[in-house]
Amino acid sequence: MINIIITKKADDIQSVELKGHSGYADSGKDIVCSAVSAIAQTALMALMDISGEVDYQRNDGYLKFVCPISSDKEQHIRQQAVLRAMEIGLKDLRDGYKGFIKLEERENVY
């Protein structure tokens, strides 16, 4: 199962963490893993394009990235638009492939 944790503060997405493999099909043929990876990695690349540097970690079956804090309002809006689009796509996949994806939203209290 792919476990996704989206951490928010005041409705802004601050970080995304994805762990595991879906187990939907064999490696290399797993459309669920491929779809989740494509959505999350595209969001990460878009954040890099908007923000420059992004703090991220990536290994086999693992991706975590943190949205850079921007004092520029337009940049912040663009960052959140990318992250919300990612969230919508991941939730749609979760709904279509129940039992293979778990998505949890957490509120950052700090």
PDB file of N, CA and C in Angstrom:
ATOM      1  N   MET A   1       0.838  -1.180   0.000  1.00  0.00           N
ATOM      2  CA  MET A   1       0.000   0.000   0.000  1.00  0.00           C
ATOM      3  C   MET A   1       0.884   1.245   0.000  1.00  0.00           C
ATOM      4  N   ILE A   2       0.438   2.260  -0.729  1.00  0.00           N
ATOM      5  CA  ILE A   2       1.119   3.547  -0.720  1.00  0.00           C
ATOM      6  C   ILE A   2       0.472   4.394   0.363  1.00  0.00           C
ATOM      7  N   ASN A   3       1.278   4.887   1.288  1.00  0.00           N
ATOM      8  CA  ASN A   3       0.803   5.776   2.344  1.00  0.00           C
ATOM      9  C   ASN A   3       1.237   7.193   2.010  1.00  0.00           C
ATOM     10  N   ILE A   4       0.262   8.089   1.945  1.00  0.00           N
ATOM     11  CA  ILE A   4       0.512   9.484   1.612  1.00  0.00           C
ATOM     12  C   ILE A   4       0.100  10.332   2.803  1.00  0.00           C
ATOM     13  N   ILE A   5       0.996  11.213   3.230  1.00  0.00           N
ATOM     14  CA  ILE A   5       0.697  12.149   4.306  1.00  0.00           C
ATOM     15  C   ILE A   5       0.870  13.555   3.757  1.00  0.00           C
ATOM     16  N   ILE A   6      -0.200  14.322   3.806  1.00  0.00           N
ATOM     17  CA  ILE A   6      -0.167  15.723   3.388  1.00  0.00           C
ATOM     18  C   ILE A   6      -0.333  16.562   4.646  1.00  0.00           C
ATOM     19  N   THR A   7       0.670  17.367   4.934  1.00  0.00           N
ATOM     20  CA  THR A   7       0.646  18.205   6.131  1.00  0.00           C
ATOM     21  C   THR A   7       0.291  19.627   5.728  1.00  0.00           C
ATOM     22  N   LYS A   8      -0.683  20.190   6.456  1.00  0.00           N
ATOM     23  CA  LYS A   8      -1.170  21.536   6.157  1.00  0.00           C
ATOM     24  C   LYS A   8      -1.089  22.426   7.394  1.00  0.00           C
ATOM     25  N   LYS A   9      -1.052  23.718   7.138  1.00  0.00           N
ATOM     26  CA  LYS A   9      -1.173  24.714   8.200  1.00  0.00           C
ATOM     27  C   LYS A   9      -2.048  25.824   7.654  1.00  0.00           C
ATOM     28  N   ALA A  10      -3.139  26.091   8.356  1.00  0.00           N
ATOM     29  CA  ALA A  10      -4.092  27.117   7.927  1.00  0.00           C
ATOM     30  C   ALA A  10      -4.519  26.884   6.470  1.00  0.00           C
ATOM     31  N   ASP A  11      -4.783  25.655   6.110  1.00  0.00           N
ATOM     32  CA  ASP A  11      -5.237  25.218   4.793  1.00  0.00           C
ATOM     33  C   ASP A  11      -4.164  25.280   3.705  1.00  0.00           C
ATOM     34  N   ASP A  12      -2.947  25.698   4.021  1.00  0.00           N
ATOM     35  CA  ASP A  12      -1.848  25.670   3.064  1.00  0.00           C
ATOM     36  C   ASP A  12      -1.098  24.353   3.203  1.00  0.00           C
ATOM     37  N   ILE A  13      -0.809  23.718   2.087  1.00  0.00           N
ATOM     38  CA  ILE A  13      -0.040  22.476   2.102  1.00  0.00           C
ATOM     39  C   ILE A  13       1.416  22.833   2.359  1.00  0.00           C
ATOM     40  N   GLN A  14       1.995  22.216   3.389  1.00  0.00           N
ATOM     41  CA  GLN A  14       3.380  22.480   3.768  1.00  0.00           C
ATOM     42  C   GLN A  14       4.328  21.378   3.347  1.00  0.00           C
ATOM     43  N   SER A  15       3.879  20.121   3.425  1.00  0.00           N
ATOM     44  CA  SER A  15       4.755  19.021   3.045  1.00  0.00           C
ATOM     45  C   SER A  15       3.935  17.836   2.566  1.00  0.00           C
ATOM     46  N   VAL A  16       4.615  16.980   1.815  1.00  0.00           N
ATOM     47  CA  VAL A  16       4.001  15.772   1.272  1.00  0.00           C
ATOM     48  C   VAL A  16       4.995  14.632   1.473  1.00  0.00           C
ATOM     49  N   GLU A  17       4.490  13.502   1.950  1.00  0.00           N
ATOM     50  CA  GLU A  17       5.329  12.326   2.150  1.00  0.00           C
ATOM     51  C   GLU A  17       4.602  11.109   1.581  1.00  0.00           C
ATOM     52  N   LEU A  18       5.295  10.365   0.737  1.00  0.00           N
ATOM     53  CA  LEU A  18       4.747   9.155   0.136  1.00  0.00           C
ATOM     54  C   LEU A  18       5.671   7.995   0.467  1.00  0.00           C
ATOM     55  N   LYS A  19       5.087   6.880   0.951  1.00  0.00           N
ATOM     56  CA  LYS A  19       5.877   5.710   1.331  1.00  0.00           C
ATOM     57  C   LYS A  19       5.227   4.452   0.779  1.00  0.00           C
ATOM     58  N   GLY A  20       6.077   3.555   0.309  1.00  0.00           N
ATOM     59  CA  GLY A  20       5.608   2.222  -0.041  1.00  0.00           C
ATOM     60  C   GLY A  20       5.274   2.041  -1.507  1.00  0.00           C
ATOM     61  N   HIS A  21       4.816   0.844  -1.800  1.00  0.00           N
ATOM     62  CA  HIS A  21       4.402   0.446  -3.143  1.00  0.00           C
ATOM     63  C   HIS A  21       2.968  -0.048  -3.047  1.00  0.00           C
ATOM     64  N   SER A  22       2.218   0.130  -4.094  1.00  0.00           N
ATOM     65  CA  SER A  22       0.792  -0.200  -4.030  1.00  0.00           C
ATOM     66  C   SER A  22       0.524  -1.700  -3.964  1.00  0.00           C
ATOM     67  N   GLY A  23       1.335  -2.491  -4.657  1.00  0.00           N
ATOM     68  CA  GLY A  23       1.056  -3.923  -4.725  1.00  0.00           C
ATOM     69  C   GLY A  23      -0.038  -4.262  -5.718  1.00  0.00           C
ATOM     70  N   TYR A  24      -0.420  -3.304  -6.544  1.00  0.00           N
ATOM     71  CA  TYR A  24      -1.471  -3.523  -7.533  1.00  0.00           C
ATOM     72  C   TYR A  24      -1.019  -4.506  -8.615  1.00  0.00           C
ATOM     73  N   ALA A  25       0.259  -4.395  -9.006  1.00  0.00           N
ATOM     74  CA  ALA A  25       0.811  -5.282 -10.038  1.00  0.00           C
ATOM     75  C   ALA A  25       2.312  -5.412  -9.794  1.00  0.00           C
ATOM     76  N   ASP A  26       2.962  -6.254 -10.586  1.00  0.00           N
ATOM     77  CA  ASP A  26       4.409  -6.428 -10.479  1.00  0.00           C
ATOM     78  C   ASP A  26       5.130  -5.123 -10.782  1.00  0.00           C
ATOM     79  N   SER A  27       6.312  -4.983 -10.208  1.00  0.00           N
ATOM     80  CA  SER A  27       7.145  -3.811 -10.464  1.00  0.00           C
ATOM     81  C   SER A  27       7.345  -3.627 -11.968  1.00  0.00           C
ATOM     82  N   GLY A  28       7.206  -2.403 -12.417  1.00  0.00           N
ATOM     83  CA  GLY A  28       7.327  -2.108 -13.833  1.00  0.00           C
ATOM     84  C   GLY A  28       6.010  -2.170 -14.587  1.00  0.00           C
ATOM     85  N   LYS A  29       5.000  -2.768 -13.954  1.00  0.00           N
ATOM     86  CA  LYS A  29       3.672  -2.879 -14.579  1.00  0.00           C
ATOM     87  C   LYS A  29       2.587  -2.303 -13.678  1.00  0.00           C
ATOM     88  N   ASP A  30       2.995  -1.683 -12.589  1.00  0.00           N
ATOM     89  CA  ASP A  30       2.054  -1.199 -11.580  1.00  0.00           C
ATOM     90  C   ASP A  30       1.576   0.206 -11.941  1.00  0.00           C
ATOM     91  N   ILE A  31       0.364   0.276 -12.518  1.00  0.00           N
ATOM     92  CA  ILE A  31      -0.170   1.566 -12.951  1.00  0.00           C
ATOM     93  C   ILE A  31      -0.504   2.484 -11.781  1.00  0.00           C
ATOM     94  N   VAL A  32      -0.799   1.927 -10.624  1.00  0.00           N
ATOM     95  CA  VAL A  32      -1.122   2.751  -9.459  1.00  0.00           C
ATOM     96  C   VAL A  32       0.142   3.455  -8.960  1.00  0.00           C
ATOM     97  N   CYS A  33       1.230   2.696  -8.784  1.00  0.00           N
ATOM     98  CA  CYS A  33       2.502   3.310  -8.377  1.00  0.00           C
ATOM     99  C   CYS A  33       2.958   4.349  -9.403  1.00  0.00           C
ATOM    100  N   SER A  34       2.834   4.004 -10.664  1.00  0.00           N
ATOM    101  CA  SER A  34       3.253   4.924 -11.716  1.00  0.00           C
ATOM    102  C   SER A  34       2.457   6.218 -11.673  1.00  0.00           C
ATOM    103  N   ALA A  35       1.161   6.120 -11.501  1.00  0.00           N
ATOM    104  CA  ALA A  35       0.308   7.308 -11.478  1.00  0.00           C
ATOM    105  C   ALA A  35       0.615   8.191 -10.273  1.00  0.00           C
ATOM    106  N   VAL A  36       0.746   7.577  -9.100  1.00  0.00           N
ATOM    107  CA  VAL A  36       1.069   8.337  -7.885  1.00  0.00           C
ATOM    108  C   VAL A  36       2.426   9.013  -8.041  1.00  0.00           C
ATOM    109  N   SER A  37       3.402   8.269  -8.532  1.00  0.00           N
ATOM    110  CA  SER A  37       4.742   8.822  -8.720  1.00  0.00           C
ATOM    111  C   SER A  37       4.735   9.976  -9.712  1.00  0.00           C
ATOM    112  N   ALA A  38       4.034   9.807 -10.812  1.00  0.00           N
ATOM    113  CA  ALA A  38       3.989  10.857 -11.832  1.00  0.00           C
ATOM    114  C   ALA A  38       3.363  12.134 -11.291  1.00  0.00           C
ATOM    115  N   ILE A  39       2.287  12.010 -10.561  1.00  0.00           N
ATOM    116  CA  ILE A  39       1.626  13.192  -9.999  1.00  0.00           C
ATOM    117  C   ILE A  39       2.532  13.882  -8.987  1.00  0.00           C
ATOM    118  N   ALA A  40       3.081  13.120  -8.050  1.00  0.00           N
ATOM    119  CA  ALA A  40       3.899  13.717  -6.981  1.00  0.00           C
ATOM    120  C   ALA A  40       5.202  14.300  -7.527  1.00  0.00           C
ATOM    121  N   GLN A  41       5.864  13.588  -8.423  1.00  0.00           N
ATOM    122  CA  GLN A  41       7.134  14.087  -8.959  1.00  0.00           C
ATOM    123  C   GLN A  41       6.931  15.296  -9.873  1.00  0.00           C
ATOM    124  N   THR A  42       5.816  15.348 -10.587  1.00  0.00           N
ATOM    125  CA  THR A  42       5.509  16.531 -11.394  1.00  0.00           C
ATOM    126  C   THR A  42       5.273  17.731 -10.493  1.00  0.00           C
ATOM    127  N   ALA A  43       4.567  17.528  -9.383  1.00  0.00           N
ATOM    128  CA  ALA A  43       4.354  18.625  -8.431  1.00  0.00           C
ATOM    129  C   ALA A  43       5.688  19.110  -7.866  1.00  0.00           C
ATOM    130  N   LEU A  44       6.577  18.182  -7.530  1.00  0.00           N
ATOM    131  CA  LEU A  44       7.890  18.551  -7.017  1.00  0.00           C
ATOM    132  C   LEU A  44       8.667  19.362  -8.056  1.00  0.00           C
ATOM    133  N   MET A  45       8.674  18.915  -9.303  1.00  0.00           N
ATOM    134  CA  MET A  45       9.398  19.647 -10.353  1.00  0.00           C
ATOM    135  C   MET A  45       8.788  21.034 -10.584  1.00  0.00           C
ATOM    136  N   ALA A  46       7.476  21.133 -10.515  1.00  0.00           N
ATOM    137  CA  ALA A  46       6.822  22.440 -10.672  1.00  0.00           C
ATOM    138  C   ALA A  46       7.194  23.372  -9.522  1.00  0.00           C
ATOM    139  N   LEU A  47       7.246  22.833  -8.295  1.00  0.00           N
ATOM    140  CA  LEU A  47       7.679  23.649  -7.148  1.00  0.00           C
ATOM    141  C   LEU A  47       9.110  24.124  -7.336  1.00  0.00           C
ATOM    142  N   MET A  48       9.971  23.261  -7.839  1.00  0.00           N
ATOM    143  CA  MET A  48      11.355  23.651  -8.102  1.00  0.00           C
ATOM    144  C   MET A  48      11.410  24.764  -9.145  1.00  0.00           C
ATOM    145  N   ASP A  49      10.566  24.667 -10.152  1.00  0.00           N
ATOM    146  CA  ASP A  49      10.525  25.683 -11.196  1.00  0.00           C
ATOM    147  C   ASP A  49      10.047  27.027 -10.636  1.00  0.00           C
ATOM    148  N   ILE A  50       9.071  26.996  -9.766  1.00  0.00           N
ATOM    149  CA  ILE A  50       8.512  28.213  -9.170  1.00  0.00           C
ATOM    150  C   ILE A  50       9.445  28.794  -8.118  1.00  0.00           C
ATOM    151  N   SER A  51      10.011  27.932  -7.280  1.00  0.00           N
ATOM    152  CA  SER A  51      10.703  28.373  -6.065  1.00  0.00           C
ATOM    153  C   SER A  51      12.224  28.312  -6.141  1.00  0.00           C
ATOM    154  N   GLY A  52      12.753  27.627  -7.121  1.00  0.00           N
ATOM    155  CA  GLY A  52      14.203  27.401  -7.130  1.00  0.00           C
ATOM    156  C   GLY A  52      14.494  26.121  -6.374  1.00  0.00           C
ATOM    157  N   GLU A  53      15.057  26.227  -5.216  1.00  0.00           N
ATOM    158  CA  GLU A  53      15.409  25.059  -4.395  1.00  0.00           C
ATOM    159  C   GLU A  53      14.206  24.566  -3.586  1.00  0.00           C
ATOM    160  N   VAL A  54      14.083  23.256  -3.507  1.00  0.00           N
ATOM    161  CA  VAL A  54      13.052  22.614  -2.687  1.00  0.00           C
ATOM    162  C   VAL A  54      13.733  21.517  -1.887  1.00  0.00           C
ATOM    163  N   ASP A  55      13.437  21.451  -0.595  1.00  0.00           N
ATOM    164  CA  ASP A  55      13.978  20.414   0.272  1.00  0.00           C
ATOM    165  C   ASP A  55      13.201  19.123   0.010  1.00  0.00           C
ATOM    166  N   TYR A  56      13.900  18.091  -0.484  1.00  0.00           N
ATOM    167  CA  TYR A  56      13.228  16.825  -0.738  1.00  0.00           C
ATOM    168  C   TYR A  56      14.174  15.647  -0.502  1.00  0.00           C
ATOM    169  N   GLN A  57      13.549  14.481  -0.271  1.00  0.00           N
ATOM    170  CA  GLN A  57      14.258  13.213  -0.125  1.00  0.00           C
ATOM    171  C   GLN A  57      13.557  12.207  -1.021  1.00  0.00           C
ATOM    172  N   ARG A  58      14.335  11.428  -1.771  1.00  0.00           N
ATOM    173  CA  ARG A  58      13.736  10.442  -2.671  1.00  0.00           C
ATOM    174  C   ARG A  58      14.576   9.173  -2.656  1.00  0.00           C
ATOM    175  N   ASN A  59      13.919   8.060  -2.432  1.00  0.00           N
ATOM    176  CA  ASN A  59      14.512   6.725  -2.486  1.00  0.00           C
ATOM    177  C   ASN A  59      13.473   5.802  -3.112  1.00  0.00           C
ATOM    178  N   ASP A  60      13.824   4.545  -3.280  1.00  0.00           N
ATOM    179  CA  ASP A  60      12.868   3.578  -3.805  1.00  0.00           C
ATOM    180  C   ASP A  60      11.659   3.495  -2.881  1.00  0.00           C
ATOM    181  N   GLY A  61      10.506   3.795  -3.401  1.00  0.00           N
ATOM    182  CA  GLY A  61       9.277   3.708  -2.614  1.00  0.00           C
ATOM    183  C   GLY A  61       9.110   4.829  -1.605  1.00  0.00           C
ATOM    184  N   TYR A  62       9.854   5.909  -1.768  1.00  0.00           N
ATOM    185  CA  TYR A  62       9.769   7.001  -0.791  1.00  0.00           C
ATOM    186  C   TYR A  62      10.029   8.350  -1.465  1.00  0.00           C
ATOM    187  N   LEU A  63       9.174   9.315  -1.157  1.00  0.00           N
ATOM    188  CA  LEU A  63       9.379  10.697  -1.585  1.00  0.00           C
ATOM    189  C   LEU A  63       8.790  11.607  -0.528  1.00  0.00           C
ATOM    190  N   LYS A  64       9.581  12.577  -0.118  1.00  0.00           N
ATOM    191  CA  LYS A  64       9.081  13.598   0.803  1.00  0.00           C
ATOM    192  C   LYS A  64       9.633  14.935   0.340  1.00  0.00           C
ATOM    193  N   PHE A  65       8.744  15.944   0.311  1.00  0.00           N
ATOM    194  CA  PHE A  65       9.214  17.286   0.013  1.00  0.00           C
ATOM    195  C   PHE A  65       8.439  18.308   0.815  1.00  0.00           C
ATOM    196  N   VAL A  66       9.108  19.444   1.043  1.00  0.00           N
ATOM    197  CA  VAL A  66       8.560  20.532   1.848  1.00  0.00           C
ATOM    198  C   VAL A  66       8.442  21.757   0.956  1.00  0.00           C
ATOM    199  N   CYS A  67       7.297  22.388   0.992  1.00  0.00           N
ATOM    200  CA  CYS A  67       7.092  23.595   0.198  1.00  0.00           C
ATOM    201  C   CYS A  67       7.885  24.741   0.819  1.00  0.00           C
ATOM    202  N   PRO A  68       8.721  25.405   0.016  1.00  0.00           N
ATOM    203  CA  PRO A  68       9.485  26.535   0.565  1.00  0.00           C
ATOM    204  C   PRO A  68       8.545  27.662   0.998  1.00  0.00           C
ATOM    205  N   ILE A  69       8.907  28.326   2.062  1.00  0.00           N
ATOM    206  CA  ILE A  69       8.116  29.465   2.533  1.00  0.00           C
ATOM    207  C   ILE A  69       8.489  30.680   1.694  1.00  0.00           C
ATOM    208  N   SER A  70       7.491  31.323   1.123  1.00  0.00           N
ATOM    209  CA  SER A  70       7.728  32.480   0.275  1.00  0.00           C
ATOM    210  C   SER A  70       7.014  33.699   0.842  1.00  0.00           C
ATOM    211  N   SER A  71       7.717  34.800   0.900  1.00  0.00           N
ATOM    212  CA  SER A  71       7.093  36.056   1.332  1.00  0.00           C
ATOM    213  C   SER A  71       6.437  36.756   0.144  1.00  0.00           C
ATOM    214  N   ASP A  72       6.714  36.275  -1.072  1.00  0.00           N
ATOM    215  CA  ASP A  72       6.113  36.819  -2.281  1.00  0.00           C
ATOM    216  C   ASP A  72       4.722  36.191  -2.452  1.00  0.00           C
ATOM    217  N   LYS A  73       3.686  37.019  -2.371  1.00  0.00           N
ATOM    218  CA  LYS A  73       2.315  36.514  -2.400  1.00  0.00           C
ATOM    219  C   LYS A  73       2.001  35.756  -3.692  1.00  0.00           C
ATOM    220  N   GLU A  74       2.447  36.276  -4.831  1.00  0.00           N
ATOM    221  CA  GLU A  74       2.180  35.617  -6.112  1.00  0.00           C
ATOM    222  C   GLU A  74       2.859  34.253  -6.173  1.00  0.00           C
ATOM    223  N   GLN A  75       4.089  34.180  -5.695  1.00  0.00           N
ATOM    224  CA  GLN A  75       4.810  32.902  -5.683  1.00  0.00           C
ATOM    225  C   GLN A  75       4.100  31.908  -4.766  1.00  0.00           C
ATOM    226  N   HIS A  76       3.650  32.368  -3.612  1.00  0.00           N
ATOM    227  CA  HIS A  76       2.930  31.506  -2.663  1.00  0.00           C
ATOM    228  C   HIS A  76       1.651  30.951  -3.308  1.00  0.00           C
ATOM    229  N   ILE A  77       0.922  31.799  -4.010  1.00  0.00           N
ATOM    230  CA  ILE A  77      -0.313  31.364  -4.678  1.00  0.00           C
ATOM    231  C   ILE A  77       0.003  30.304  -5.733  1.00  0.00           C
ATOM    232  N   ARG A  78       1.064  30.502  -6.491  1.00  0.00           N
ATOM    233  CA  ARG A  78       1.456  29.527  -7.511  1.00  0.00           C
ATOM    234  C   ARG A  78       1.866  28.202  -6.880  1.00  0.00           C
ATOM    235  N   GLN A  79       2.633  28.264  -5.790  1.00  0.00           N
ATOM    236  CA  GLN A  79       3.042  27.047  -5.085  1.00  0.00           C
ATOM    237  C   GLN A  79       1.818  26.257  -4.629  1.00  0.00           C
ATOM    238  N   GLN A  80       0.882  26.949  -3.991  1.00  0.00           N
ATOM    239  CA  GLN A  80      -0.296  26.270  -3.456  1.00  0.00           C
ATOM    240  C   GLN A  80      -1.193  25.736  -4.563  1.00  0.00           C
ATOM    241  N   ALA A  81      -1.255  26.417  -5.703  1.00  0.00           N
ATOM    242  CA  ALA A  81      -2.043  25.911  -6.831  1.00  0.00           C
ATOM    243  C   ALA A  81      -1.489  24.574  -7.309  1.00  0.00           C
ATOM    244  N   VAL A  82      -0.165  24.478  -7.415  1.00  0.00           N
ATOM    245  CA  VAL A  82       0.478  23.220  -7.814  1.00  0.00           C
ATOM    246  C   VAL A  82       0.163  22.126  -6.794  1.00  0.00           C
ATOM    247  N   LEU A  83       0.317  22.445  -5.517  1.00  0.00           N
ATOM    248  CA  LEU A  83       0.110  21.442  -4.471  1.00  0.00           C
ATOM    249  C   LEU A  83      -1.352  21.011  -4.366  1.00  0.00           C
ATOM    250  N   ARG A  84      -2.274  21.933  -4.569  1.00  0.00           N
ATOM    251  CA  ARG A  84      -3.698  21.566  -4.538  1.00  0.00           C
ATOM    252  C   ARG A  84      -4.062  20.679  -5.732  1.00  0.00           C
ATOM    253  N   ALA A  85      -3.500  20.979  -6.905  1.00  0.00           N
ATOM    254  CA  ALA A  85      -3.742  20.123  -8.070  1.00  0.00           C
ATOM    255  C   ALA A  85      -3.220  18.714  -7.803  1.00  0.00           C
ATOM    256  N   MET A  86      -2.031  18.626  -7.186  1.00  0.00           N
ATOM    257  CA  MET A  86      -1.471  17.331  -6.819  1.00  0.00           C
ATOM    258  C   MET A  86      -2.410  16.604  -5.856  1.00  0.00           C
ATOM    259  N   GLU A  87      -2.880  17.325  -4.849  1.00  0.00           N
ATOM    260  CA  GLU A  87      -3.776  16.736  -3.852  1.00  0.00           C
ATOM    261  C   GLU A  87      -5.055  16.200  -4.506  1.00  0.00           C
ATOM    262  N   ILE A  88      -5.636  16.959  -5.420  1.00  0.00           N
ATOM    263  CA  ILE A  88      -6.846  16.521  -6.116  1.00  0.00           C
ATOM    264  C   ILE A  88      -6.574  15.232  -6.901  1.00  0.00           C
ATOM    265  N   GLY A  89      -5.457  15.191  -7.615  1.00  0.00           N
ATOM    266  CA  GLY A  89      -5.111  14.001  -8.381  1.00  0.00           C
ATOM    267  C   GLY A  89      -4.881  12.784  -7.508  1.00  0.00           C
ATOM    268  N   LEU A  90      -4.175  12.976  -6.394  1.00  0.00           N
ATOM    269  CA  LEU A  90      -3.905  11.854  -5.484  1.00  0.00           C
ATOM    270  C   LEU A  90      -5.190  11.351  -4.824  1.00  0.00           C
ATOM    271  N   LYS A  91      -6.075  12.270  -4.452  1.00  0.00           N
ATOM    272  CA  LYS A  91      -7.349  11.853  -3.849  1.00  0.00           C
ATOM    273  C   LYS A  91      -8.214  11.091  -4.848  1.00  0.00           C
ATOM    274  N   ASP A  92      -8.176  11.518  -6.108  1.00  0.00           N
ATOM    275  CA  ASP A  92      -8.941  10.824  -7.135  1.00  0.00           C
ATOM    276  C   ASP A  92      -8.409   9.402  -7.331  1.00  0.00           C
ATOM    277  N   LEU A  93      -7.090   9.256  -7.359  1.00  0.00           N
ATOM    278  CA  LEU A  93      -6.503   7.913  -7.457  1.00  0.00           C
ATOM    279  C   LEU A  93      -6.870   7.065  -6.251  1.00  0.00           C
ATOM    280  N   ARG A  94      -6.780   7.638  -5.059  1.00  0.00           N
ATOM    281  CA  ARG A  94      -7.148   6.903  -3.842  1.00  0.00           C
ATOM    282  C   ARG A  94      -8.577   6.393  -3.939  1.00  0.00           C
ATOM    283  N   ASP A  95      -9.480   7.255  -4.410  1.00  0.00           N
ATOM    284  CA  ASP A  95     -10.891   6.866  -4.512  1.00  0.00           C
ATOM    285  C   ASP A  95     -11.106   5.774  -5.560  1.00  0.00           C
ATOM    286  N   GLY A  96     -10.306   5.797  -6.611  1.00  0.00           N
ATOM    287  CA  GLY A  96     -10.439   4.799  -7.671  1.00  0.00           C
ATOM    288  C   GLY A  96      -9.744   3.486  -7.381  1.00  0.00           C
ATOM    289  N   TYR A  97      -8.771   3.516  -6.478  1.00  0.00           N
ATOM    290  CA  TYR A  97      -7.983   2.318  -6.168  1.00  0.00           C
ATOM    291  C   TYR A  97      -7.935   2.081  -4.665  1.00  0.00           C
ATOM    292  N   LYS A  98      -9.108   2.006  -4.075  1.00  0.00           N
ATOM    293  CA  LYS A  98      -9.212   1.760  -2.633  1.00  0.00           C
ATOM    294  C   LYS A  98      -8.481   0.457  -2.298  1.00  0.00           C
ATOM    295  N   GLY A  99      -7.793   0.463  -1.190  1.00  0.00           N
ATOM    296  CA  GLY A  99      -7.034  -0.716  -0.786  1.00  0.00           C
ATOM    297  C   GLY A  99      -5.594  -0.696  -1.262  1.00  0.00           C
ATOM    298  N   PHE A 100      -5.265   0.250  -2.131  1.00  0.00           N
ATOM    299  CA  PHE A 100      -3.893   0.356  -2.622  1.00  0.00           C
ATOM    300  C   PHE A 100      -3.234   1.675  -2.225  1.00  0.00           C
ATOM    301  N   ILE A 101      -4.063   2.664  -1.856  1.00  0.00           N
ATOM    302  CA  ILE A 101      -3.561   3.992  -1.483  1.00  0.00           C
ATOM    303  C   ILE A 101      -4.287   4.452  -0.227  1.00  0.00           C
ATOM    304  N   LYS A 102      -3.508   4.907   0.742  1.00  0.00           N
ATOM    305  CA  LYS A 102      -4.067   5.519   1.951  1.00  0.00           C
ATOM    306  C   LYS A 102      -3.562   6.967   1.977  1.00  0.00           C
ATOM    307  N   LEU A 103      -4.476   7.908   2.134  1.00  0.00           N
ATOM    308  CA  LEU A 103      -4.098   9.318   2.161  1.00  0.00           C
ATOM    309  C   LEU A 103      -4.577   9.922   3.468  1.00  0.00           C
ATOM    310  N   GLU A 104      -3.642  10.514   4.176  1.00  0.00           N
ATOM    311  CA  GLU A 104      -3.932  11.128   5.480  1.00  0.00           C
ATOM    312  C   GLU A 104      -3.551  12.604   5.414  1.00  0.00           C
ATOM    313  N   GLU A 105      -4.424  13.436   5.936  1.00  0.00           N
ATOM    314  CA  GLU A 105      -4.128  14.863   6.043  1.00  0.00           C
ATOM    315  C   GLU A 105      -3.869  15.179   7.511  1.00  0.00           C
ATOM    316  N   ARG A 106      -2.783  15.880   7.738  1.00  0.00           N
ATOM    317  CA  ARG A 106      -2.427  16.273   9.110  1.00  0.00           C
ATOM    318  C   ARG A 106      -2.357  17.798   9.180  1.00  0.00           C
ATOM    319  N   GLU A 107      -2.704  18.304  10.328  1.00  0.00           N
ATOM    320  CA  GLU A 107      -2.576  19.743  10.584  1.00  0.00           C
ATOM    321  C   GLU A 107      -1.294  19.992  11.361  1.00  0.00           C
ATOM    322  N   ASN A 108      -0.440  20.860  10.822  1.00  0.00           N
ATOM    323  CA  ASN A 108       0.793  21.231  11.498  1.00  0.00           C
ATOM    324  C   ASN A 108       0.443  22.238  12.584  1.00  0.00           C
ATOM    325  N   VAL A 109       0.729  21.896  13.816  1.00  0.00           N
ATOM    326  CA  VAL A 109       0.366  22.760  14.936  1.00  0.00           C
ATOM    327  C   VAL A 109       1.478  23.729  15.317  1.00  0.00           C
ATOM    328  N   TYR A 110       2.607  23.676  14.647  1.00  0.00           N
ATOM    329  CA  TYR A 110       3.726  24.560  14.978  1.00  0.00           C
ATOM    330  C   TYR A 110       3.789  25.727  14.048  1.00  0.00           C
TER     331      TYR A 110
END
